[in-house]
Structure formats: C-alpha cells, structure tokens
Amino acid sequence: MRIIAGSARGRRIFSVSKNLPVKPISDRIKQSVFDIIRPRITGAMMLDLFAGTGNVSLEALSRGAMRCVMVDREPACIKNIHRNLAHLGFEDRAKVLRGDVLKPLDYLLAYSDNEGYDIIFMGPPYRDINNKMLSLSEPALANVSQAKLLAKNGLIILQTHKTEQFAVPAELEIYRVEKYGDTLVHFLRSARVKSQGESHAE
C-alpha cells in the first residue's frame, strides 16, 4: 500500500497481520473516492471509523485534510496506525482512539471541537476471522446519526459488500453509489427537508 497523491505521494503504508479481519481499501477504489471528494478535502475535519491500517485517513492528510480522528478496536491496528503516522510525519494532525464503533459514539464529537466532521469514512469488515459475513453498516450508521457527528454540509462515505442490506437513519440519505467489483461505496448526507408537493427525485 502506498499514498497515491499529495505531500506524501508514493510513500509506503505499513499493513497489519493477515490474521486480523482487516481488508485495506484497494488503490483503485481509494483513487476513485478521492477523485469524487477532491473539492472537500483541503482543510477538512475527518473521522475514520473501522480505521484498520489508517490508509484512508493517511491519504486524506497527504492531500490537505486539516485533521483526522481514527477509531479502531484492534490494539494491533492502533499500534500500526501510530507507526504509519510517525513514518509519514502526520502525528500532529491526527488522533488515534481505541473504540468500538458498535457502541455509543457521543464522545467523538468533542474531538471535532463540537462542530462535527466534514467527512466520515466507514469501511467495516465484510467477514470475521472465520469468514462469516458481517453486517455492521446499519448499527454503525445509527450510532453516527445518534451522536450527531456529521457537520453541516458534511458527507459520509460507507464501503460495503454488494450483498449487504442495511437501513439508513431518517436523518440521512444516500445520494450516490459507486460499484467496484463486489464492493459498493455509498455517499450519504443529511436528509433534505422537502416542501409539500416537491418531487423526491434528485
């Protein structure tokens, strides 16, 4: 894995043991996602849930994000993220927290100066270590919504397996979906309040 663009372009990103249920985002998907959100990156406050290797946040920092908060429950992932931050010189612009995304996330609002996050990326694992399919997107989205972590005009990027079904909280809406093989990337924002008689079509 390497940084694709920005100040750390071409620099290596260290991975974690293959025994962990961590599947880093592919370069192809990462490039496409960052092409889509390019106008939003510079100066952004970002939250990376299920951070894994920190790959997405590291790319964002390289491209000019102001600060990234990364959350993962695996101690080995936390250690590896710190290693990558030190390797790339991004330690002063990042906060790494050990936490379970499937538990209440209210505590994360304070790390955004109580303003919410401009970009929230979620790449929950598709399978556990026994190759059993997981469905973590729905509870994770619910926790993000309940904690009011999304800034005004912010967006959520959710990476899922193409077969995963999930409900979207009423406060959010999906406005774009991209497909890459067996992966779907959903782009969500705060739900727009439509006036009476207004069409629901985009």
Protein backbone atom coordinates (compact mmCIF):
# COMPACT_ATOMS: atom_id res chain seq x y z
CA MET A 1 0.00 0.00 0.00
CA ARG A 2 1.17 3.50 -0.82
CA ILE A 3 -0.05 7.08 -0.68
CA ILE A 4 -1.43 7.98 -4.11
CA ALA A 5 -1.22 11.78 -4.12
CA GLY A 6 -0.33 14.85 -2.12
CA SER A 7 2.62 15.71 0.11
CA ALA A 8 3.44 12.05 0.85
CA ARG A 9 2.82 10.76 -2.67
CA GLY A 10 4.46 7.38 -3.28
CA ARG A 11 5.32 6.78 0.37
CA ARG A 12 4.73 3.31 1.79
CA ILE A 13 1.89 2.47 4.24
CA PHE A 14 2.55 -0.39 6.64
CA SER A 15 -0.14 -3.08 6.90
CA VAL A 16 -1.22 -5.43 9.67
CA SER A 17 -1.25 -9.20 10.09
CA LYS A 18 -3.42 -11.11 7.64
CA ASN A 19 -4.86 -12.94 10.65
CA LEU A 20 -6.87 -9.83 11.50
CA PRO A 21 -10.25 -9.17 9.79
CA VAL A 22 -8.81 -6.12 8.03
CA LYS A 23 -9.13 -5.66 4.28
CA PRO A 24 -7.46 -2.38 3.28
CA ILE A 25 -9.23 -0.33 0.63
CA SER A 26 -7.81 -1.04 -2.82
CA ASP A 27 -5.84 1.65 -4.63
CA ARG A 28 -8.45 1.65 -7.38
CA ILE A 29 -11.32 2.39 -5.00
CA LYS A 30 -9.28 4.85 -2.98
CA GLN A 31 -8.30 6.80 -6.10
CA SER A 32 -11.91 6.93 -7.30
CA VAL A 33 -13.30 8.01 -3.91
CA PHE A 34 -10.74 10.78 -3.55
CA ASP A 35 -11.41 11.97 -7.10
CA ILE A 36 -15.10 12.31 -6.15
CA ILE A 37 -14.50 14.18 -2.88
CA ARG A 38 -11.47 16.20 -4.03
CA PRO A 39 -13.11 19.64 -3.55
CA ARG A 40 -13.93 18.79 0.07
CA ILE A 41 -10.57 17.53 1.32
CA THR A 42 -8.46 20.63 1.87
CA GLY A 43 -8.94 21.85 5.43
CA ALA A 44 -11.43 19.10 6.27
CA MET A 45 -12.04 17.60 9.70
CA MET A 46 -12.26 13.85 9.08
CA LEU A 47 -13.43 10.85 11.10
CA ASP A 48 -12.28 7.36 10.08
CA LEU A 49 -14.28 4.55 11.72
CA PHE A 50 -13.06 0.94 11.47
CA ALA A 51 -9.77 2.64 10.58
CA GLY A 52 -7.73 -0.56 10.09
CA THR A 53 -4.36 0.48 8.68
CA GLY A 54 -5.33 4.16 8.58
CA ASN A 55 -4.98 4.05 4.79
CA VAL A 56 -7.87 6.41 4.01
CA SER A 57 -7.01 8.99 6.68
CA LEU A 58 -3.34 8.96 5.70
CA GLU A 59 -4.32 9.67 2.09
CA ALA A 60 -6.59 12.50 3.26
CA LEU A 61 -3.82 14.04 5.37
CA SER A 62 -1.43 13.83 2.44
CA ARG A 63 -3.99 15.66 0.30
CA GLY A 64 -4.53 18.50 2.76
CA ALA A 65 -7.11 17.46 5.34
CA MET A 66 -6.73 19.59 8.45
CA ARG A 67 -7.13 16.78 10.99
CA CYS A 68 -8.17 13.13 11.12
CA VAL A 69 -9.59 11.17 14.04
CA MET A 70 -9.16 7.41 13.60
CA VAL A 71 -11.05 4.77 15.58
CA ASP A 72 -10.48 1.01 15.69
CA ARG A 73 -10.95 -1.61 18.38
CA GLU A 74 -7.95 -3.80 17.50
CA PRO A 75 -4.79 -2.95 19.51
CA ALA A 76 -2.62 -4.16 16.62
CA CYS A 77 -4.37 -1.71 14.27
CA ILE A 78 -3.92 1.15 16.72
CA LYS A 79 -0.22 0.38 17.02
CA ASN A 80 0.16 0.17 13.24
CA ILE A 81 -1.64 3.46 12.66
CA HIS A 82 0.74 5.19 15.09
CA ARG A 83 3.62 3.63 13.16
CA ASN A 84 2.28 4.96 9.87
CA LEU A 85 1.66 8.44 11.27
CA ALA A 86 5.23 8.62 12.58
CA HIS A 87 6.61 7.25 9.31
CA LEU A 88 4.79 9.90 7.27
CA GLY A 89 5.19 12.78 9.73
CA PHE A 90 1.46 13.30 10.29
CA GLU A 91 1.35 12.76 14.07
CA ASP A 92 0.49 16.38 14.89
CA ARG A 93 -2.63 16.30 12.67
CA ALA A 94 -4.17 13.06 13.86
CA LYS A 95 -5.82 11.49 16.88
CA VAL A 96 -5.97 7.70 17.22
CA LEU A 97 -8.53 6.16 19.55
CA ARG A 98 -9.25 2.58 20.53
CA GLY A 99 -13.01 2.15 20.48
CA ASP A 100 -15.91 0.01 19.34
CA VAL A 101 -17.94 1.67 16.59
CA LEU A 102 -20.91 -0.52 17.52
CA LYS A 103 -21.14 1.21 20.90
CA PRO A 104 -22.27 4.83 21.54
CA LEU A 105 -20.02 7.35 19.80
CA ASP A 106 -21.06 10.57 21.55
CA TYR A 107 -17.54 11.04 22.93
CA LEU A 108 -16.19 11.63 19.40
CA LEU A 109 -17.98 14.95 18.95
CA ALA A 110 -15.55 16.68 21.32
CA TYR A 111 -12.61 15.78 19.05
CA SER A 112 -14.20 17.90 16.32
CA ASP A 113 -14.43 20.90 18.66
CA ASN A 114 -18.14 20.02 18.89
CA GLU A 115 -18.63 21.14 15.28
CA GLY A 116 -18.98 17.69 13.70
CA TYR A 117 -16.91 16.11 10.93
CA ASP A 118 -16.81 17.25 7.31
CA ILE A 119 -16.01 13.74 6.08
CA ILE A 120 -16.80 10.48 7.86
CA PHE A 121 -15.38 7.33 6.29
CA MET A 122 -16.57 3.88 7.33
CA GLY A 123 -15.11 0.67 5.95
CA PRO A 124 -16.44 -2.04 8.27
CA PRO A 125 -15.04 -5.54 7.72
CA TYR A 126 -17.15 -7.75 5.48
CA ARG A 127 -16.22 -11.00 7.23
CA ASP A 128 -14.83 -12.13 10.58
CA ILE A 129 -11.74 -14.30 11.07
CA ASN A 130 -13.89 -17.41 10.43
CA ASN A 131 -15.03 -15.98 7.08
CA LYS A 132 -18.56 -15.41 8.38
CA MET A 133 -20.31 -12.50 6.70
CA LEU A 134 -20.85 -9.48 8.94
CA SER A 135 -23.48 -6.73 8.73
CA LEU A 136 -22.01 -3.82 10.65
CA SER A 137 -23.08 -0.88 8.46
CA GLU A 138 -26.59 -0.43 9.87
CA PRO A 139 -25.62 -0.22 13.58
CA ALA A 140 -22.57 1.92 12.75
CA LEU A 141 -24.67 4.41 10.77
CA ALA A 142 -27.24 4.51 13.56
CA ASN A 143 -24.54 5.34 16.11
CA VAL A 144 -23.07 8.09 13.94
CA SER A 145 -26.50 9.61 13.44
CA GLN A 146 -27.47 9.37 17.10
CA ALA A 147 -24.23 11.07 18.17
CA LYS A 148 -24.77 13.87 15.60
CA LEU A 149 -21.21 13.54 14.33
CA LEU A 150 -21.80 14.88 10.82
CA ALA A 151 -21.08 18.57 10.29
CA LYS A 152 -23.47 20.77 8.36
CA ASN A 153 -22.97 20.01 4.67
CA GLY A 154 -20.71 17.07 5.60
CA LEU A 155 -20.76 13.66 3.96
CA ILE A 156 -20.42 10.03 4.99
CA ILE A 157 -18.62 7.52 2.78
CA LEU A 158 -19.62 3.93 3.52
CA GLN A 159 -17.90 0.95 1.90
CA THR A 160 -19.88 -2.31 1.93
CA HIS A 161 -20.04 -5.70 0.27
CA LYS A 162 -22.51 -5.64 -2.62
CA THR A 163 -24.79 -8.16 -0.87
CA GLU A 164 -25.08 -6.31 2.43
CA GLN A 165 -28.50 -4.84 3.16
CA PHE A 166 -28.88 -2.01 5.67
CA ALA A 167 -31.36 0.63 6.77
CA VAL A 168 -30.41 4.30 6.62
CA PRO A 169 -31.36 6.52 9.59
CA ALA A 170 -34.12 9.00 8.80
CA GLU A 171 -31.70 11.89 9.33
CA LEU A 172 -29.50 10.69 6.45
CA GLU A 173 -29.91 9.95 2.77
CA ILE A 174 -27.83 8.16 0.14
CA TYR A 175 -27.22 10.46 -2.81
CA ARG A 176 -24.65 8.48 -4.78
CA VAL A 177 -23.47 4.85 -5.08
CA GLU A 178 -20.42 3.57 -6.94
CA LYS A 179 -19.74 -0.11 -7.68
CA TYR A 180 -16.29 -1.70 -7.84
CA GLY A 181 -16.45 -5.47 -8.30
CA ASP A 182 -18.06 -6.91 -5.16
CA THR A 183 -17.75 -3.57 -3.31
CA LEU A 184 -20.26 -0.73 -3.15
CA VAL A 185 -19.33 2.75 -1.95
CA HIS A 186 -22.29 4.78 -0.69
CA PHE A 187 -22.17 8.57 -0.31
CA LEU A 188 -24.56 9.93 2.31
CA ARG A 189 -25.51 13.40 3.57
CA SER A 190 -28.04 14.92 5.93
CA ALA A 191 -31.54 14.30 4.60
CA ARG A 192 -33.01 17.29 2.84
CA VAL A 193 -36.36 18.55 4.12
CA LYS A 194 -38.64 18.66 1.08
CA SER A 195 -41.52 21.07 0.88
CA GLN A 196 -45.05 19.81 0.29
CA GLY A 197 -45.51 18.70 -3.29
CA GLU A 198 -41.80 18.66 -4.08
CA SER A 199 -40.59 15.66 -6.05
CA HIS A 200 -38.37 13.17 -4.22
CA ALA A 201 -36.34 12.55 -7.34
CA GLU A 202 -32.83 14.03 -7.40
